Structure formats: structure tokens, C-alpha cells
Amino acid sequence: MTQQIVRSLLSDFVEIDLTVVDNGRQALEVALMQDFDLMIFDQNMPYINGDRVIRHLRAGNSANRDTKVIRFTAEAESLKQPAQGSSADVIMPKPIRGAEFISVISGIMGRSHQAAISTA
């Protein structure tokens, strides 16, 4: 469901290439092999959660170590103190609010040419 919403919202970005995966394990594998301008993760992806994927990428020598990251979560606790100890640049609440999501992306990057979406 989150994949469909994000994909629909990002379709307004004319020059965007999306890479969509089904779980955290695939997200990590793809992010270790490809370079992205922006990565978007769901916190509750199967196998490996969004925060663990991001922390792994940040700690390693991956090309995506410094890539901007948006993480979606339905967990209210994660939203209370997003800056402390978070590996994401932006943590956004679910359900996804289209205008807010597009505004955040525009603020982070403008119109990105390549984005990765990993949501389950």
C-alpha cells in the first residue's frame, strides 16, 4: 500500500527513475550495488527494518553512505524525537500526506533524477 501511494505521488516528478523492492533485505542489497540521489524506506519492512538498513548503509563504505533518506513510520514514538539517534534525514508519519511528502522531497533535493523506494 505504501509503495503504491509513494509511487503515485512521485509520478509528478518528470525525470525520476524509481527502484522499488519488497523488503529490507532487498533494499540493503540494491543500495549496496547502486548509487541513489534519494532513498525512501518504510520503518516496518519485512526481514530488516528501515532504520537498520539505513544504519548499515551509513556505517559502511557504500556509495549511499551520505545519500538523503526519508523514512516513513506509523510508530508515534519514532516521531517524537526524530533527530536524536535517527539515521534518516527526515522521518515522516503514516498515513502519507501527499502535499507534505512532496514538500519534504523538494526541500531536501529539488527534483531528483533517481530515487529508491523500499516499502512493504
C-alpha atoms as a PDB file:
ATOM      1  CA  MET A   1       0.000   0.000   0.000  1.00  0.00           C
ATOM      2  CA  THR A   2       2.763   2.464   0.931  1.00  0.00           C
ATOM      3  CA  GLN A   3       4.591   1.583  -2.304  1.00  0.00           C
ATOM      4  CA  GLN A   4       1.555   2.469  -4.396  1.00  0.00           C
ATOM      5  CA  ILE A   5       0.985   5.793  -2.643  1.00  0.00           C
ATOM      6  CA  VAL A   6       4.621   6.853  -2.872  1.00  0.00           C
ATOM      7  CA  ARG A   7       4.875   5.747  -6.488  1.00  0.00           C
ATOM      8  CA  SER A   8       1.736   7.702  -7.371  1.00  0.00           C
ATOM      9  CA  LEU A   9       2.969  10.855  -5.625  1.00  0.00           C
ATOM     10  CA  LEU A  10       6.383  10.654  -7.263  1.00  0.00           C
ATOM     11  CA  SER A  11       4.892  10.231 -10.727  1.00  0.00           C
ATOM     12  CA  ASP A  12       4.619  14.046 -10.799  1.00  0.00           C
ATOM     13  CA  PHE A  13       8.401  14.244 -10.904  1.00  0.00           C
ATOM     14  CA  VAL A  14       9.047  14.056 -14.633  1.00  0.00           C
ATOM     15  CA  GLU A  15      12.689  12.980 -14.588  1.00  0.00           C
ATOM     16  CA  ILE A  16      12.711  10.320 -11.925  1.00  0.00           C
ATOM     17  CA  ASP A  17      13.828   6.707 -12.023  1.00  0.00           C
ATOM     18  CA  LEU A  18      12.395   4.530  -9.270  1.00  0.00           C
ATOM     19  CA  THR A  19      13.792   1.331  -7.864  1.00  0.00           C
ATOM     20  CA  VAL A  20      11.165  -0.469  -5.797  1.00  0.00           C
ATOM     21  CA  VAL A  21      11.828  -3.504  -3.611  1.00  0.00           C
ATOM     22  CA  ASP A  22       9.635  -5.630  -1.366  1.00  0.00           C
ATOM     23  CA  ASN A  23      11.608  -5.894   1.864  1.00  0.00           C
ATOM     24  CA  GLY A  24      14.548  -4.621   3.866  1.00  0.00           C
ATOM     25  CA  ARG A  25      16.909  -7.356   2.740  1.00  0.00           C
ATOM     26  CA  GLN A  26      16.368  -6.423  -0.913  1.00  0.00           C
ATOM     27  CA  ALA A  27      16.622  -2.724  -0.047  1.00  0.00           C
ATOM     28  CA  LEU A  28      20.037  -3.238   1.512  1.00  0.00           C
ATOM     29  CA  GLU A  29      21.288  -5.394  -1.368  1.00  0.00           C
ATOM     30  CA  VAL A  30      20.206  -2.861  -4.004  1.00  0.00           C
ATOM     31  CA  ALA A  31      21.515   0.127  -2.033  1.00  0.00           C
ATOM     32  CA  LEU A  32      24.920  -1.541  -1.748  1.00  0.00           C
ATOM     33  CA  MET A  33      25.091  -2.011  -5.536  1.00  0.00           C
ATOM     34  CA  GLN A  34      23.515   1.186  -6.916  1.00  0.00           C
ATOM     35  CA  ASP A  35      24.075   4.872  -6.259  1.00  0.00           C
ATOM     36  CA  PHE A  36      20.915   6.898  -5.481  1.00  0.00           C
ATOM     37  CA  ASP A  37      20.135  10.580  -5.027  1.00  0.00           C
ATOM     38  CA  LEU A  38      17.369   9.852  -2.508  1.00  0.00           C
ATOM     39  CA  MET A  39      16.246   6.751  -0.625  1.00  0.00           C
ATOM     40  CA  ILE A  40      12.824   6.254   0.926  1.00  0.00           C
ATOM     41  CA  PHE A  41      12.212   3.465   3.425  1.00  0.00           C
ATOM     42  CA  ASP A  42       9.300   2.198   5.468  1.00  0.00           C
ATOM     43  CA  GLN A  43      10.275   1.509   9.070  1.00  0.00           C
ATOM     44  CA  ASN A  44       8.376  -1.774   9.168  1.00  0.00           C
ATOM     45  CA  MET A  45       9.778  -3.521   6.103  1.00  0.00           C
ATOM     46  CA  PRO A  46       9.928  -7.315   6.366  1.00  0.00           C
ATOM     47  CA  TYR A  47      13.232  -9.019   7.323  1.00  0.00           C
ATOM     48  CA  ILE A  48      15.231  -5.854   8.093  1.00  0.00           C
ATOM     49  CA  ASN A  49      13.508  -2.679   9.277  1.00  0.00           C
ATOM     50  CA  GLY A  50      14.117   0.689   7.665  1.00  0.00           C
ATOM     51  CA  ASP A  51      16.270   2.094  10.450  1.00  0.00           C
ATOM     52  CA  ARG A  52      18.605  -0.928  10.428  1.00  0.00           C
ATOM     53  CA  VAL A  53      19.021  -0.711   6.643  1.00  0.00           C
ATOM     54  CA  ILE A  54      19.868   2.982   6.893  1.00  0.00           C
ATOM     55  CA  ARG A  55      22.297   2.492   9.793  1.00  0.00           C
ATOM     56  CA  HIS A  56      24.087  -0.263   7.879  1.00  0.00           C
ATOM     57  CA  LEU A  57      24.472   1.986   4.832  1.00  0.00           C
ATOM     58  CA  ARG A  58      25.664   4.933   6.939  1.00  0.00           C
ATOM     59  CA  ALA A  59      28.252   2.826   8.770  1.00  0.00           C
ATOM     60  CA  GLY A  60      29.803   1.251   5.680  1.00  0.00           C
ATOM     61  CA  ASN A  61      31.645   2.468   2.627  1.00  0.00           C
ATOM     62  CA  SER A  62      28.630   2.285   0.343  1.00  0.00           C
ATOM     63  CA  ALA A  63      28.115   4.916  -2.345  1.00  0.00           C
ATOM     64  CA  ASN A  64      24.885   5.718  -0.478  1.00  0.00           C
ATOM     65  CA  ARG A  65      26.562   6.452   2.842  1.00  0.00           C
ATOM     66  CA  ASP A  66      25.662  10.151   2.607  1.00  0.00           C
ATOM     67  CA  THR A  67      22.541   9.820   0.463  1.00  0.00           C
ATOM     68  CA  LYS A  68      19.498  11.701   1.746  1.00  0.00           C
ATOM     69  CA  VAL A  69      16.946   9.379   3.372  1.00  0.00           C
ATOM     70  CA  ILE A  70      13.257   9.695   4.177  1.00  0.00           C
ATOM     71  CA  ARG A  71      11.810   7.065   6.497  1.00  0.00           C
ATOM     72  CA  PHE A  72       8.081   6.502   6.962  1.00  0.00           C
ATOM     73  CA  THR A  73       6.728   5.188  10.230  1.00  0.00           C
ATOM     74  CA  ALA A  74       3.390   4.595  11.882  1.00  0.00           C
ATOM     75  CA  GLU A  75       5.130   4.458  15.274  1.00  0.00           C
ATOM     76  CA  ALA A  76       4.328   7.624  17.210  1.00  0.00           C
ATOM     77  CA  GLU A  77       7.385   7.173  19.447  1.00  0.00           C
ATOM     78  CA  SER A  78       9.711   7.477  16.434  1.00  0.00           C
ATOM     79  CA  LEU A  79       8.190  10.837  15.559  1.00  0.00           C
ATOM     80  CA  LYS A  80       8.643  12.450  18.976  1.00  0.00           C
ATOM     81  CA  GLN A  81      12.432  12.799  18.788  1.00  0.00           C
ATOM     82  CA  PRO A  82      13.360  12.169  15.161  1.00  0.00           C
ATOM     83  CA  ALA A  83      16.726  13.941  15.307  1.00  0.00           C
ATOM     84  CA  GLN A  84      18.147  12.034  18.268  1.00  0.00           C
ATOM     85  CA  GLY A  85      19.873   8.870  17.148  1.00  0.00           C
ATOM     86  CA  SER A  86      17.951   8.647  13.921  1.00  0.00           C
ATOM     87  CA  SER A  87      19.754   7.521  10.829  1.00  0.00           C
ATOM     88  CA  ALA A  88      17.214   9.147   8.486  1.00  0.00           C
ATOM     89  CA  ASP A  89      17.373  12.765   7.376  1.00  0.00           C
ATOM     90  CA  VAL A  90      13.586  13.048   7.658  1.00  0.00           C
ATOM     91  CA  ILE A  91      11.083  10.842   9.475  1.00  0.00           C
ATOM     92  CA  MET A  92       7.522  11.169   8.221  1.00  0.00           C
ATOM     93  CA  PRO A  93       4.299   9.849   9.733  1.00  0.00           C
ATOM     94  CA  LYS A  94       1.950   7.400   8.124  1.00  0.00           C
ATOM     95  CA  PRO A  95      -0.583   7.761   6.672  1.00  0.00           C
ATOM     96  CA  ILE A  96       1.301   9.636   3.985  1.00  0.00           C
ATOM     97  CA  ARG A  97       0.143  13.173   3.276  1.00  0.00           C
ATOM     98  CA  GLY A  98       0.832  13.923  -0.370  1.00  0.00           C
ATOM     99  CA  ALA A  99       1.497  17.656  -0.218  1.00  0.00           C
ATOM    100  CA  GLU A 100       3.751  17.310   2.829  1.00  0.00           C
ATOM    101  CA  PHE A 101       5.695  14.447   1.228  1.00  0.00           C
ATOM    102  CA  ILE A 102       6.312  16.375  -2.000  1.00  0.00           C
ATOM    103  CA  SER A 103       7.295  19.456   0.004  1.00  0.00           C
ATOM    104  CA  VAL A 104       9.836  17.435   2.008  1.00  0.00           C
ATOM    105  CA  ILE A 105      11.348  15.946  -1.140  1.00  0.00           C
ATOM    106  CA  SER A 106      11.544  19.364  -2.778  1.00  0.00           C
ATOM    107  CA  GLY A 107      13.181  20.782   0.329  1.00  0.00           C
ATOM    108  CA  ILE A 108      15.764  18.010   0.503  1.00  0.00           C
ATOM    109  CA  MET A 109      16.654  17.733  -3.152  1.00  0.00           C
ATOM    110  CA  GLY A 110      14.526  19.606  -5.598  1.00  0.00           C
ATOM    111  CA  ARG A 111      13.583  17.341  -8.470  1.00  0.00           C
ATOM    112  CA  SER A 112      15.702  14.221  -8.078  1.00  0.00           C
ATOM    113  CA  HIS A 113      16.709  12.191 -11.117  1.00  0.00           C
ATOM    114  CA  GLN A 114      16.890   8.899  -9.286  1.00  0.00           C
ATOM    115  CA  ALA A 115      15.130   7.768  -6.136  1.00  0.00           C
ATOM    116  CA  ALA A 116      14.901   4.444  -4.398  1.00  0.00           C
ATOM    117  CA  ILE A 117      11.711   3.398  -2.731  1.00  0.00           C
ATOM    118  CA  SER A 118      11.772   0.451  -0.383  1.00  0.00           C
ATOM    119  CA  THR A 119       8.441  -0.061   1.207  1.00  0.00           C
ATOM    120  CA  ALA A 120       6.457  -3.096   2.125  1.00  0.00           C
END
